[in-house]
Protein backbone atom coordinates (compact mmCIF):
# COMPACT_ATOMS: atom_id res chain seq x y z
CA UNK A 1 0.00 0.00 0.00
CA UNK A 2 1.45 3.35 -0.93
CA UNK A 3 0.77 6.62 0.85
CA UNK A 4 -0.94 8.27 -2.10
CA UNK A 5 -4.24 6.39 -2.22
CA UNK A 6 -6.23 4.11 0.02
CA UNK A 7 -7.14 0.60 -1.13
CA UNK A 8 -10.68 0.27 -2.47
CA UNK A 9 -11.66 -2.24 0.22
CA UNK A 10 -10.98 0.17 3.11
CA UNK A 11 -12.15 3.44 1.58
CA UNK A 12 -15.39 3.54 3.61
CA UNK A 13 -13.84 2.93 7.03
CA UNK A 14 -12.43 6.46 7.49
CA UNK A 15 -15.78 8.01 6.56
CA UNK A 16 -17.65 5.82 9.05
CA UNK A 17 -15.12 6.67 11.74
CA UNK A 18 -15.54 10.38 11.04
CA UNK A 19 -19.29 10.09 11.60
CA UNK A 20 -19.28 7.60 14.45
CA UNK A 21 -16.38 9.14 16.41
CA UNK A 22 -17.98 12.56 17.06
CA UNK A 23 -21.33 10.89 17.79
CA UNK A 24 -19.65 8.63 20.34
CA UNK A 25 -17.91 11.64 21.90
CA UNK A 26 -21.20 13.53 22.07
CA UNK A 27 -23.06 10.52 23.52
CA UNK A 28 -20.39 10.04 26.19
CA UNK A 29 -20.47 13.69 27.24
CA UNK A 30 -24.25 14.11 27.19
CA UNK A 31 -25.00 10.83 28.97
CA UNK A 32 -22.91 12.02 31.91
CA UNK A 33 -25.18 15.03 32.46
CA UNK A 34 -28.44 13.31 31.58
CA UNK A 35 -28.01 10.00 33.42
CA UNK A 36 -24.74 9.17 35.15
CA UNK A 37 -24.64 12.30 37.32
CA UNK A 38 -27.32 10.65 39.47
CA UNK A 39 -24.82 8.12 40.86
CA UNK A 40 -22.25 9.53 43.33
CA UNK A 41 -19.38 7.25 42.32
CA UNK A 42 -19.85 8.14 38.64
CA UNK A 43 -20.50 11.83 39.35
CA UNK A 44 -17.21 12.37 41.18
CA UNK A 45 -15.13 10.60 38.53
CA UNK A 46 -16.75 9.62 35.20
CA UNK A 47 -15.59 5.99 35.09
CA UNK A 48 -17.88 5.21 32.16
CA UNK A 49 -18.10 8.51 30.32
CA UNK A 50 -14.45 9.52 30.15
CA UNK A 51 -13.37 6.32 28.31
CA UNK A 52 -16.31 6.69 25.90
CA UNK A 53 -15.44 10.32 25.16
CA UNK A 54 -11.77 9.45 24.68
CA UNK A 55 -12.66 6.47 22.46
CA UNK A 56 -14.76 8.77 20.28
CA UNK A 57 -11.84 11.19 19.97
CA UNK A 58 -9.46 8.34 19.14
CA UNK A 59 -11.82 6.94 16.50
CA UNK A 60 -12.24 10.36 14.93
CA UNK A 61 -8.49 10.92 14.90
CA UNK A 62 -7.85 7.53 13.31
CA UNK A 63 -10.39 8.22 10.57
CA UNK A 64 -8.91 11.66 9.92
CA UNK A 65 -5.40 10.23 9.80
CA UNK A 66 -6.45 7.77 7.10
CA UNK A 67 -8.22 10.47 5.13
CA UNK A 68 -5.20 12.77 5.28
CA UNK A 69 -2.88 9.99 4.11
CA UNK A 70 -4.81 9.75 0.85
CA UNK A 71 -4.06 12.07 -2.04
CA UNK A 72 -6.79 14.47 -3.13
CA UNK A 73 -10.13 14.08 -1.34
CA UNK A 74 -10.35 17.76 -0.38
CA UNK A 75 -13.94 17.51 0.74
CA UNK A 76 -13.09 14.50 2.90
CA UNK A 77 -10.15 16.35 4.43
CA UNK A 78 -12.35 19.35 5.24
CA UNK A 79 -14.93 17.07 6.86
CA UNK A 80 -12.18 15.23 8.75
CA UNK A 81 -10.82 18.53 10.06
CA UNK A 82 -14.25 19.68 11.21
CA UNK A 83 -14.97 16.29 12.76
CA UNK A 84 -11.67 16.26 14.65
CA UNK A 85 -12.13 19.84 15.80
CA UNK A 86 -15.62 19.04 17.11
CA UNK A 87 -14.48 15.91 18.97
CA UNK A 88 -11.42 17.64 20.38
CA UNK A 89 -13.41 20.68 21.54
CA UNK A 90 -16.10 18.52 23.14
CA UNK A 91 -13.50 16.35 24.88
CA UNK A 92 -11.72 19.47 26.14
CA UNK A 93 -14.92 21.07 27.43
CA UNK A 94 -16.03 17.84 29.10
CA UNK A 95 -12.64 17.40 30.78
CA UNK A 96 -12.56 21.07 31.82
CA UNK A 97 -15.95 20.73 33.48
CA UNK A 98 -15.20 17.39 35.16
CA UNK A 99 -11.71 18.13 36.44
CA UNK A 100 -11.81 21.90 37.02
CA UNK A 101 -15.24 23.55 37.20
CA UNK A 102 -16.87 20.86 39.33
CA UNK A 103 -14.21 21.37 42.01
CA UNK A 104 -14.59 25.14 42.29
CA UNK A 105 -15.95 26.40 45.58
CA UNK A 106 -18.84 28.87 45.50
CA UNK A 107 -18.22 32.50 46.40
CA UNK A 108 -18.29 33.70 50.00
CA UNK A 109 -20.78 36.53 49.69
CA UNK A 110 -22.97 35.72 52.71
CA UNK A 111 -20.50 34.18 55.12
CA UNK A 112 -21.18 35.05 58.78
CA UNK A 113 -18.41 36.52 60.92
CA UNK A 114 -16.27 34.24 63.04
CA UNK A 115 -17.81 33.50 66.48
CA UNK A 116 -21.10 35.14 65.54
CA UNK A 117 -24.52 33.60 66.15
CA UNK A 118 -25.58 31.14 63.49
CA UNK A 119 -28.72 32.04 61.55
CA UNK A 120 -31.76 29.98 62.43
CA UNK A 121 -32.59 27.02 60.22
CA UNK A 122 -34.56 23.78 60.29
CA UNK A 123 -33.57 20.45 58.74
CA UNK A 124 -34.86 16.91 58.76
CA UNK A 125 -32.87 14.41 60.85
CA UNK A 126 -32.15 10.79 59.87
CA UNK A 127 -35.67 9.77 60.98
CA UNK A 128 -37.39 12.52 58.98
CA UNK A 129 -38.26 14.62 62.06
CA UNK A 130 -37.82 18.40 61.70
CA UNK A 131 -35.05 19.73 63.94
CA UNK A 132 -34.43 23.45 64.42
CA UNK A 133 -31.25 25.10 65.56
CA UNK A 134 -33.23 26.92 68.26
CA UNK A 135 -34.05 23.51 69.83
CA UNK A 136 -30.43 23.38 71.02
CA UNK A 137 -30.32 26.89 72.50
CA UNK A 138 -28.16 26.91 75.64
CA UNK A 139 -26.36 23.66 74.87
CA UNK A 140 -23.08 23.12 73.07
CA UNK A 141 -23.47 22.18 69.45
CA UNK A 142 -20.95 21.40 66.76
CA UNK A 143 -22.02 22.18 63.21
CA UNK A 144 -19.99 20.50 60.50
CA UNK A 145 -20.26 21.75 56.93
CA UNK A 146 -18.60 19.98 54.07
CA UNK A 147 -18.82 20.20 50.35
CA UNK A 148 -20.56 17.41 48.56
CA UNK A 149 -21.28 16.76 44.88
CA UNK A 150 -25.04 16.64 44.96
């Protein structure tokens, strides 16, 4: 096989990869937000979605590489470039959200002063009973706040 043309038997594979790769990347990224974010272990680190997104990018890149090895095919090369750019941008945005934006702390606009009285609030306990902060007035109480991904 020379580098100028692709064999006739494999001429459709790059085109299929250039369609299927971006669709796989899009499906991997969207399914994280639409379904997998419901499960804490998959929300904190996308064990399913990240490999799917990366596989879509790899498939798109492989199809584009085969298209660019062939001589001519200007329309195919333009489509391969657009397909790679789409998959790369989507993979970058997905990774940016997962590994950077989701770990950013919210702003501290309404933070009370140190050693000041806590504002009143009511929450349900583990049995579903409403508990108010004022119920513990006069007793020592430790409030623990931590950031969760829910």
